[in-house]
Amino acid sequence: MQGGELRISPVGSKQALDDFIDLPYRLYADDPNWVPPLRADVAELLNPEKNPFYGHAEGQLFLARRAGRVVGRISAHIDKLALAQPVEQGMGPGTGNWGMLDAEDEATAKALIATAEDWLKSRGMTRVLGPLSLSVWDEPGVLVKGFDHPPTVMMGHAKTEYHQWIESSGYQTVQELFTYALVIDRDFPELTNRIVAIGEKNDRIKIRRVDKRKFNDEAALILGILNDAWSDNWGFVPLTEAEIAYVGKKLKPIVYEDLIRIAEVDGEPVAFMMTLPDINEKIKSFGGKLFPFNWAKLLWWLRKPQVRTMRVPLMGVVKKLQASRMASQLAFMMIEYIRRDAITKFGASRGEFGWVLGSNGPMRSVGEAVGGTVNKVYRIYEKTL
């Protein structure tokens, strides 16, 4: 598609892919709150031979150029597993996605969005849900609140104008995602502490650390609980066995036994909480590059990270317990136990909980009950094609 000097073309060469990956490093160069992702990680995300997402999805990357200069990018993709989900859960038949939108100006952004829509329509899609970069498990939504501080590990950032450009392209809000910031180097509210104390007297409950010596088994157990716990959530798409193995391999370097808990009731694993040290605090100055010297700095840091912030990206309780008091009790117990270790062993003073769906009242209540306040909001939009 061409408009004036603007030309948009599909990414079809290694040079074009490099240009696609490199663009944000230029656009955000002066943004003190942007954390440059490691280029190797972005390249792997977009590589169909390495990312198992492409085992059930197809996609196309697009670049916008003006007078030969790259001025924007976007991805368009169709997830076959998402197409098979119930319509009432947000995905469903005919729903395609776009994501990874970056642009110098509104005209470029709108042209890129229109190009992604055309690609989706040409493949029979009748509705678009976005931004998703690439799946709901990666970086869903565009930032609409919380531009004044950097994102934590595995969370996205955006320019303040992006959500306005999306809305002016005819999109309506379909879901918001919240993250909660909380101070963790002081005791949680008394009500939470009482609930934890009661749970500690219950012989049916056992809260244990993960065993990294059995990493593959523990990862499969946790993600199995996740698939069950989140299966009724808006936007849910099940993780495949290949994705579970892939996620486990990617997370292993920043997984620490003291920061992940599995809850058992009557000997059955029924809940988990995963906490990650905010690696963004370390890599922010790397400029997206590990070589020649940053890899050594990172490896040394990973031996025993000392961080200000811990992030809880994943937490789940099996469906059969979700309507019970036990579910909240298990959640508070895992949060409290991890809080103690995060302070004493990793030097943390701050936590971030989320993202949490705006429609997930119980989990939002947990975030508020431990003293959390919303510090970032991401928005997902929909449009009929």
Protein backbone atom coordinates (compact mmCIF):
# COMPACT_ATOMS: atom_id res chain seq x y z
CA MET A 1 0.00 0.00 0.00
CA GLN A 2 1.28 3.46 -0.84
CA GLY A 3 0.10 6.88 0.26
CA GLY A 4 2.14 9.94 -0.71
CA GLU A 5 5.73 9.11 0.14
CA LEU A 6 4.73 6.27 2.47
CA ARG A 7 5.26 2.70 1.28
CA ILE A 8 4.38 -0.40 3.27
CA SER A 9 5.79 -3.78 2.34
CA PRO A 10 5.94 -7.26 3.89
CA VAL A 11 9.13 -8.33 5.59
CA GLY A 12 10.72 -10.89 3.33
CA SER A 13 14.47 -10.69 3.82
CA LYS A 14 17.00 -10.84 6.63
CA GLN A 15 17.78 -7.15 6.19
CA ALA A 16 14.09 -6.26 6.42
CA LEU A 17 13.76 -8.40 9.56
CA ASP A 18 16.76 -6.62 11.08
CA ASP A 19 15.11 -3.29 10.24
CA PHE A 20 11.88 -4.49 11.88
CA ILE A 21 13.72 -5.44 15.07
CA ASP A 22 15.89 -2.30 15.13
CA LEU A 23 13.18 0.34 14.73
CA PRO A 24 12.12 0.66 18.43
CA TYR A 25 15.72 1.20 19.50
CA ARG A 26 15.69 4.42 17.47
CA LEU A 27 12.12 5.51 18.26
CA TYR A 28 12.58 5.12 22.03
CA ALA A 29 16.20 6.23 22.23
CA ASP A 30 15.29 9.34 24.24
CA ASP A 31 12.64 7.68 26.44
CA PRO A 32 14.15 7.14 29.91
CA ASN A 33 11.42 4.63 30.78
CA TRP A 34 11.91 2.28 27.84
CA VAL A 35 13.90 -0.88 28.54
CA PRO A 36 15.63 -2.11 25.35
CA PRO A 37 14.86 -5.82 25.01
CA LEU A 38 17.73 -8.12 24.14
CA ARG A 39 17.82 -8.24 20.35
CA ALA A 40 18.47 -11.97 20.38
CA ASP A 41 15.23 -12.52 22.34
CA VAL A 42 13.20 -10.48 19.85
CA ALA A 43 14.75 -12.33 16.91
CA GLU A 44 13.86 -15.67 18.52
CA LEU A 45 10.28 -14.52 19.19
CA LEU A 46 9.87 -13.80 15.48
CA ASN A 47 11.58 -16.95 14.24
CA PRO A 48 9.07 -19.63 13.16
CA GLU A 49 11.76 -22.29 13.49
CA LYS A 50 12.36 -21.48 17.17
CA ASN A 51 9.10 -20.09 18.55
CA PRO A 52 6.47 -22.86 18.97
CA PHE A 53 3.70 -20.25 18.70
CA TYR A 54 4.08 -20.66 14.95
CA GLY A 55 3.21 -24.33 15.30
CA HIS A 56 -0.43 -23.24 15.51
CA ALA A 57 -0.27 -19.76 13.98
CA GLU A 58 0.61 -17.92 10.81
CA GLY A 59 1.71 -14.34 10.50
CA GLN A 60 3.26 -11.57 8.47
CA LEU A 61 5.46 -8.66 9.47
CA PHE A 62 5.21 -5.30 7.69
CA LEU A 63 7.53 -2.31 7.46
CA ALA A 64 6.60 1.26 6.56
CA ARG A 65 9.16 3.40 4.75
CA ARG A 66 9.10 7.03 3.75
CA ALA A 67 11.68 8.08 1.19
CA GLY A 68 13.50 4.81 1.89
CA ARG A 69 13.67 5.38 5.66
CA VAL A 70 11.92 2.96 8.03
CA VAL A 71 9.20 4.86 9.91
CA GLY A 72 6.93 2.11 11.23
CA ARG A 73 6.23 -1.57 11.73
CA ILE A 74 3.41 -3.98 12.59
CA SER A 75 2.72 -7.72 12.77
CA ALA A 76 -0.47 -9.46 11.63
CA HIS A 77 -1.21 -13.00 12.76
CA ILE A 78 -3.85 -15.68 13.08
CA ASP A 79 -3.73 -18.16 15.94
CA LYS A 80 -5.60 -21.37 15.07
CA LEU A 81 -5.97 -22.29 18.74
CA ALA A 82 -7.53 -18.89 19.41
CA LEU A 83 -10.02 -19.47 16.58
CA ALA A 84 -11.18 -22.61 18.37
CA GLN A 85 -11.96 -20.80 21.63
CA PRO A 86 -15.50 -19.81 22.69
CA VAL A 87 -16.58 -16.42 21.33
CA GLU A 88 -17.77 -15.33 24.79
CA GLN A 89 -14.17 -15.64 26.03
CA GLY A 90 -12.89 -12.99 23.66
CA MET A 91 -11.31 -14.98 20.86
CA GLY A 92 -13.24 -17.42 18.68
CA PRO A 93 -13.89 -18.05 14.96
CA GLY A 94 -12.98 -15.25 12.57
CA THR A 95 -10.75 -13.39 15.06
CA GLY A 96 -7.32 -12.30 13.87
CA ASN A 97 -4.73 -10.19 15.62
CA TRP A 98 -2.09 -7.57 15.04
CA GLY A 99 0.66 -6.30 17.31
CA MET A 100 4.22 -4.95 17.60
CA LEU A 101 3.01 -1.57 16.36
CA ASP A 102 5.56 1.22 16.32
CA ALA A 103 5.39 4.35 14.21
CA GLU A 104 6.85 7.83 13.94
CA ASP A 105 3.48 9.50 13.34
CA GLU A 106 -0.27 8.93 13.31
CA ALA A 107 -0.60 8.66 9.52
CA THR A 108 1.98 5.88 9.45
CA ALA A 109 0.33 4.04 12.36
CA LYS A 110 -3.09 4.16 10.71
CA ALA A 111 -1.69 2.96 7.39
CA LEU A 112 0.03 0.05 9.11
CA ILE A 113 -3.12 -0.92 11.00
CA ALA A 114 -5.10 -0.81 7.73
CA THR A 115 -2.48 -3.03 6.09
CA ALA A 116 -2.72 -5.59 8.91
CA GLU A 117 -6.52 -5.51 8.63
CA ASP A 118 -6.34 -6.15 4.89
CA TRP A 119 -4.02 -9.11 5.44
CA LEU A 120 -6.42 -10.58 8.01
CA LYS A 121 -9.47 -10.01 5.81
CA SER A 122 -7.76 -11.70 2.88
CA ARG A 123 -7.55 -14.82 5.06
CA GLY A 124 -11.20 -14.80 6.04
CA MET A 125 -11.02 -12.96 9.34
CA THR A 126 -14.08 -10.89 10.26
CA ARG A 127 -12.84 -9.35 13.49
CA VAL A 128 -9.54 -8.10 14.85
CA LEU A 129 -8.37 -8.11 18.44
CA GLY A 130 -5.21 -6.26 19.32
CA PRO A 131 -2.57 -5.37 19.99
CA LEU A 132 -1.17 -8.78 20.85
CA SER A 133 2.58 -9.12 20.43
CA LEU A 134 2.43 -11.96 19.43
CA SER A 135 0.08 -13.94 21.64
CA VAL A 136 -1.85 -13.23 24.81
CA TRP A 137 1.04 -14.94 26.65
CA ASP A 138 3.64 -12.47 25.33
CA GLU A 139 2.89 -8.73 25.58
CA PRO A 140 -0.85 -8.12 25.21
CA GLY A 141 -2.36 -4.66 25.06
CA VAL A 142 -0.98 -1.16 24.64
CA LEU A 143 0.07 0.96 27.59
CA VAL A 144 -2.48 3.65 28.51
CA LYS A 145 -1.38 4.47 32.08
CA GLY A 146 2.00 4.30 33.78
CA PHE A 147 4.29 5.94 31.23
CA ASP A 148 6.34 7.57 33.99
CA HIS A 149 8.23 4.49 35.13
CA PRO A 150 9.88 1.54 33.35
CA PRO A 151 8.09 -1.75 32.84
CA THR A 152 9.17 -4.82 34.77
CA VAL A 153 10.38 -8.07 33.22
CA MET A 154 8.19 -9.36 30.36
CA MET A 155 5.98 -6.24 30.28
CA GLY A 156 5.68 -3.73 27.44
CA HIS A 157 6.08 0.00 27.02
CA ALA A 158 4.64 2.38 24.43
CA LYS A 159 4.51 5.98 23.39
CA THR A 160 1.72 8.00 24.93
CA GLU A 161 0.05 8.61 21.57
CA TYR A 162 -0.30 5.01 20.46
CA HIS A 163 -3.62 4.20 22.15
CA GLN A 164 -5.13 7.40 20.77
CA TRP A 165 -4.03 6.48 17.24
CA ILE A 166 -5.58 3.03 17.64
CA GLU A 167 -8.88 4.47 18.87
CA SER A 168 -9.01 6.97 16.01
CA SER A 169 -8.67 3.99 13.64
CA GLY A 170 -12.11 2.78 14.72
CA TYR A 171 -11.21 0.48 17.63
CA GLN A 172 -13.21 0.00 20.82
CA THR A 173 -11.89 -1.13 24.19
CA VAL A 174 -12.68 -4.77 24.88
CA GLN A 175 -10.47 -5.46 27.91
CA GLU A 176 -8.04 -3.72 30.25
CA LEU A 177 -5.11 -5.33 32.03
CA PHE A 178 -3.89 -4.00 35.37
CA THR A 179 -0.62 -4.29 37.25
CA TYR A 180 -0.50 -3.59 40.97
CA ALA A 181 2.50 -2.05 42.70
CA LEU A 182 3.05 -2.79 46.38
CA VAL A 183 5.61 -2.19 49.08
CA ILE A 184 6.86 -5.57 50.31
CA ASP A 185 9.50 -4.68 52.90
CA ARG A 186 6.82 -4.15 55.51
CA ASP A 187 4.09 -6.44 56.79
CA PHE A 188 0.91 -6.89 54.79
CA PRO A 189 -2.43 -5.70 56.28
CA GLU A 190 -3.52 -7.45 59.47
CA LEU A 191 -6.48 -9.21 57.81
CA THR A 192 -4.11 -10.87 55.33
CA ASN A 193 -1.80 -11.95 58.14
CA ARG A 194 -4.71 -13.52 60.04
CA ILE A 195 -5.76 -15.50 56.98
CA VAL A 196 -2.19 -16.76 56.55
CA ALA A 197 -1.96 -17.74 60.23
CA ILE A 198 -5.19 -19.73 60.02
CA GLY A 199 -3.93 -21.52 56.93
CA GLU A 200 -0.69 -22.45 58.69
CA LYS A 201 -2.73 -24.35 61.29
CA ASN A 202 -4.53 -26.36 58.62
CA ASP A 203 -2.85 -29.77 58.29
CA ARG A 204 -4.43 -30.27 54.86
CA ILE A 205 -2.39 -27.41 53.38
CA LYS A 206 1.25 -27.59 52.37
CA ILE A 207 3.06 -24.68 50.67
CA ARG A 208 6.35 -25.83 49.18
CA ARG A 209 9.17 -24.38 47.12
CA VAL A 210 9.81 -25.77 43.65
CA ASP A 211 12.68 -28.20 43.23
CA LYS A 212 14.94 -26.92 40.44
CA ARG A 213 16.64 -30.31 40.27
CA LYS A 214 13.34 -31.55 38.83
CA PHE A 215 12.87 -28.45 36.71
CA ASN A 216 11.11 -30.01 33.72
CA ASP A 217 8.63 -31.88 35.91
CA GLU A 218 7.95 -28.81 38.06
CA ALA A 219 7.50 -26.59 34.99
CA ALA A 220 5.04 -29.03 33.46
CA LEU A 221 3.14 -29.22 36.77
CA ILE A 222 2.90 -25.45 37.12
CA LEU A 223 1.83 -24.82 33.54
CA GLY A 224 -0.66 -27.67 33.77
CA ILE A 225 -2.28 -25.91 36.73
CA LEU A 226 -2.14 -22.68 34.72
CA ASN A 227 -3.98 -24.18 31.74
CA ASP A 228 -6.73 -25.38 34.08
CA ALA A 229 -6.88 -22.28 36.27
CA TRP A 230 -7.06 -19.79 33.41
CA SER A 231 -9.21 -21.85 31.00
CA ASP A 232 -12.38 -19.80 31.65
CA ASN A 233 -10.60 -16.43 31.55
CA TRP A 234 -11.21 -13.88 28.86
CA GLY A 235 -8.67 -14.21 26.04
CA PHE A 236 -7.42 -17.62 27.16
CA VAL A 237 -5.55 -19.74 24.61
CA PRO A 238 -4.13 -23.04 25.89
CA LEU A 239 -0.38 -23.54 25.95
CA THR A 240 0.75 -26.54 23.92
CA GLU A 241 3.26 -29.07 25.22
CA ALA A 242 5.89 -27.53 22.93
CA GLU A 243 5.15 -24.06 24.33
CA ILE A 244 5.30 -25.32 27.91
CA ALA A 245 8.75 -26.78 27.24
CA TYR A 246 9.83 -23.59 25.47
CA VAL A 247 8.62 -21.29 28.24
CA GLY A 248 10.34 -23.43 30.83
CA LYS A 249 13.63 -23.27 28.95
CA LYS A 250 13.37 -19.49 28.52
CA LEU A 251 12.53 -18.84 32.16
CA LYS A 252 14.99 -21.28 33.72
CA PRO A 253 17.86 -18.73 34.06
CA ILE A 254 15.68 -16.40 36.14
CA VAL A 255 13.81 -19.06 38.11
CA TYR A 256 14.77 -19.30 41.78
CA GLU A 257 13.37 -21.90 44.18
CA ASP A 258 12.69 -19.33 46.89
CA LEU A 259 10.47 -17.27 44.57
CA ILE A 260 8.07 -19.94 43.33
CA ARG A 261 5.59 -21.78 45.53
CA ILE A 262 3.27 -24.69 44.85
CA ALA A 263 0.29 -25.19 47.14
CA GLU A 264 -0.93 -28.70 47.90
CA VAL A 265 -4.19 -29.66 49.55
CA ASP A 266 -4.45 -33.21 50.81
CA GLY A 267 -1.28 -33.95 48.86
CA GLU A 268 -2.63 -32.69 45.52
CA PRO A 269 -0.97 -29.70 43.79
CA VAL A 270 -3.78 -27.18 43.31
CA ALA A 271 -2.17 -23.74 43.06
CA PHE A 272 1.09 -21.99 42.29
CA MET A 273 2.66 -18.55 42.33
CA MET A 274 5.64 -17.58 40.19
CA THR A 275 7.77 -14.57 41.05
CA LEU A 276 10.66 -13.25 38.96
CA PRO A 277 13.40 -10.80 39.91
CA ASP A 278 13.12 -7.77 37.67
CA ILE A 279 15.91 -8.46 35.20
CA ASN A 280 14.99 -5.20 33.46
CA GLU A 281 16.84 -3.38 36.23
CA LYS A 282 20.04 -5.06 35.02
CA ILE A 283 19.61 -5.07 31.23
CA LYS A 284 18.25 -1.52 30.88
CA SER A 285 21.76 -0.19 30.22
CA PHE A 286 22.69 -2.96 27.78
CA GLY A 287 21.09 -1.31 24.75
CA GLY A 288 19.70 -4.68 23.68
CA LYS A 289 23.14 -6.25 23.25
CA LEU A 290 24.85 -9.01 25.21
CA PHE A 291 28.19 -8.90 23.43
CA PRO A 292 31.01 -8.26 23.86
CA PHE A 293 30.86 -7.72 27.65
CA ASN A 294 27.23 -7.60 28.83
CA TRP A 295 26.82 -11.38 28.81
CA ALA A 296 29.42 -11.69 31.58
CA LYS A 297 27.72 -8.97 33.63
CA LEU A 298 24.38 -10.73 33.26
CA LEU A 299 25.72 -14.17 34.14
CA TRP A 300 27.34 -12.77 37.28
CA TRP A 301 24.10 -11.02 38.26
CA LEU A 302 22.04 -14.16 37.70
CA ARG A 303 24.13 -16.06 40.26
CA LYS A 304 22.48 -14.14 43.09
CA PRO A 305 20.42 -11.19 41.86
CA GLN A 306 19.83 -8.25 44.16
CA VAL A 307 16.89 -6.21 42.93
CA ARG A 308 14.49 -3.54 44.04
CA THR A 309 11.46 -5.08 42.36
CA MET A 310 9.92 -8.53 42.09
CA ARG A 311 7.18 -9.30 39.59
CA VAL A 312 4.44 -11.90 39.89
CA PRO A 313 3.60 -12.70 36.26
CA LEU A 314 1.66 -15.92 36.84
CA MET A 315 -0.54 -17.26 39.57
CA GLY A 316 -3.33 -19.80 39.48
CA VAL A 317 -5.69 -21.97 41.48
CA VAL A 318 -7.39 -24.97 39.89
CA LYS A 319 -10.97 -24.33 38.81
CA LYS A 320 -12.56 -26.68 41.32
CA LEU A 321 -11.33 -24.49 44.18
CA GLN A 322 -11.76 -21.03 42.65
CA ALA A 323 -15.11 -20.28 44.29
CA SER A 324 -13.92 -21.37 47.73
CA ARG A 325 -12.36 -19.56 50.67
CA MET A 326 -9.46 -21.95 50.31
CA ALA A 327 -8.44 -20.28 47.02
CA SER A 328 -7.87 -16.89 48.66
CA GLN A 329 -6.15 -18.48 51.63
CA LEU A 330 -3.68 -20.34 49.41
CA ALA A 331 -3.00 -17.16 47.43
CA PHE A 332 -2.26 -15.10 50.53
CA MET A 333 -0.03 -17.82 51.99
CA MET A 334 2.06 -18.09 48.82
CA ILE A 335 2.35 -14.31 48.54
CA GLU A 336 3.48 -13.97 52.15
CA TYR A 337 6.06 -16.76 52.00
CA ILE A 338 7.58 -15.42 48.80
CA ARG A 339 7.55 -11.87 50.20
CA ARG A 340 9.71 -12.95 53.12
CA ASP A 341 12.31 -14.63 50.91
CA ALA A 342 12.28 -11.79 48.37
CA ILE A 343 13.31 -9.38 51.12
CA THR A 344 15.84 -11.45 53.01
CA LYS A 345 17.52 -13.24 50.10
CA PHE A 346 17.20 -10.83 47.17
CA GLY A 347 17.04 -7.42 48.83
CA ALA A 348 13.69 -6.54 47.27
CA SER A 349 11.52 -3.75 48.63
CA ARG A 350 8.87 -3.48 45.95
CA GLY A 351 6.55 -5.92 44.19
CA GLU A 352 4.45 -5.84 41.04
CA PHE A 353 1.45 -8.12 40.69
CA GLY A 354 -0.03 -8.73 37.25
CA TRP A 355 -1.16 -8.35 34.69
CA VAL A 356 -4.70 -8.95 35.98
CA LEU A 357 -7.75 -8.84 33.73
CA GLY A 358 -10.08 -5.95 34.48
CA SER A 359 -12.90 -8.50 34.48
CA ASN A 360 -11.17 -10.76 37.03
CA GLY A 361 -12.70 -9.47 40.24
CA PRO A 362 -11.26 -12.12 42.60
CA MET A 363 -7.65 -11.57 41.52
CA ARG A 364 -8.05 -7.80 41.62
CA SER A 365 -9.32 -8.20 45.18
CA VAL A 366 -6.19 -10.16 46.08
CA GLY A 367 -4.01 -7.36 44.69
CA GLU A 368 -5.89 -4.78 46.71
CA ALA A 369 -6.00 -6.88 49.89
CA VAL A 370 -2.19 -6.96 50.13
CA GLY A 371 -2.02 -3.18 49.75
CA GLY A 372 -1.45 -2.96 46.01
CA THR A 373 -2.41 0.03 43.89
CA VAL A 374 -2.79 0.08 40.10
CA ASN A 375 0.40 1.47 38.57
CA LYS A 376 0.02 0.47 34.92
CA VAL A 377 -2.94 -0.17 32.64
CA TYR A 378 -2.76 -1.90 29.26
CA ARG A 379 -5.69 -1.91 26.85
CA ILE A 380 -6.83 -4.43 24.26
CA TYR A 381 -9.12 -3.30 21.45
CA GLU A 382 -11.47 -4.92 18.96
CA LYS A 383 -12.88 -3.96 15.58
CA THR A 384 -15.20 -5.64 13.10
CA LEU A 385 -13.56 -6.06 9.71
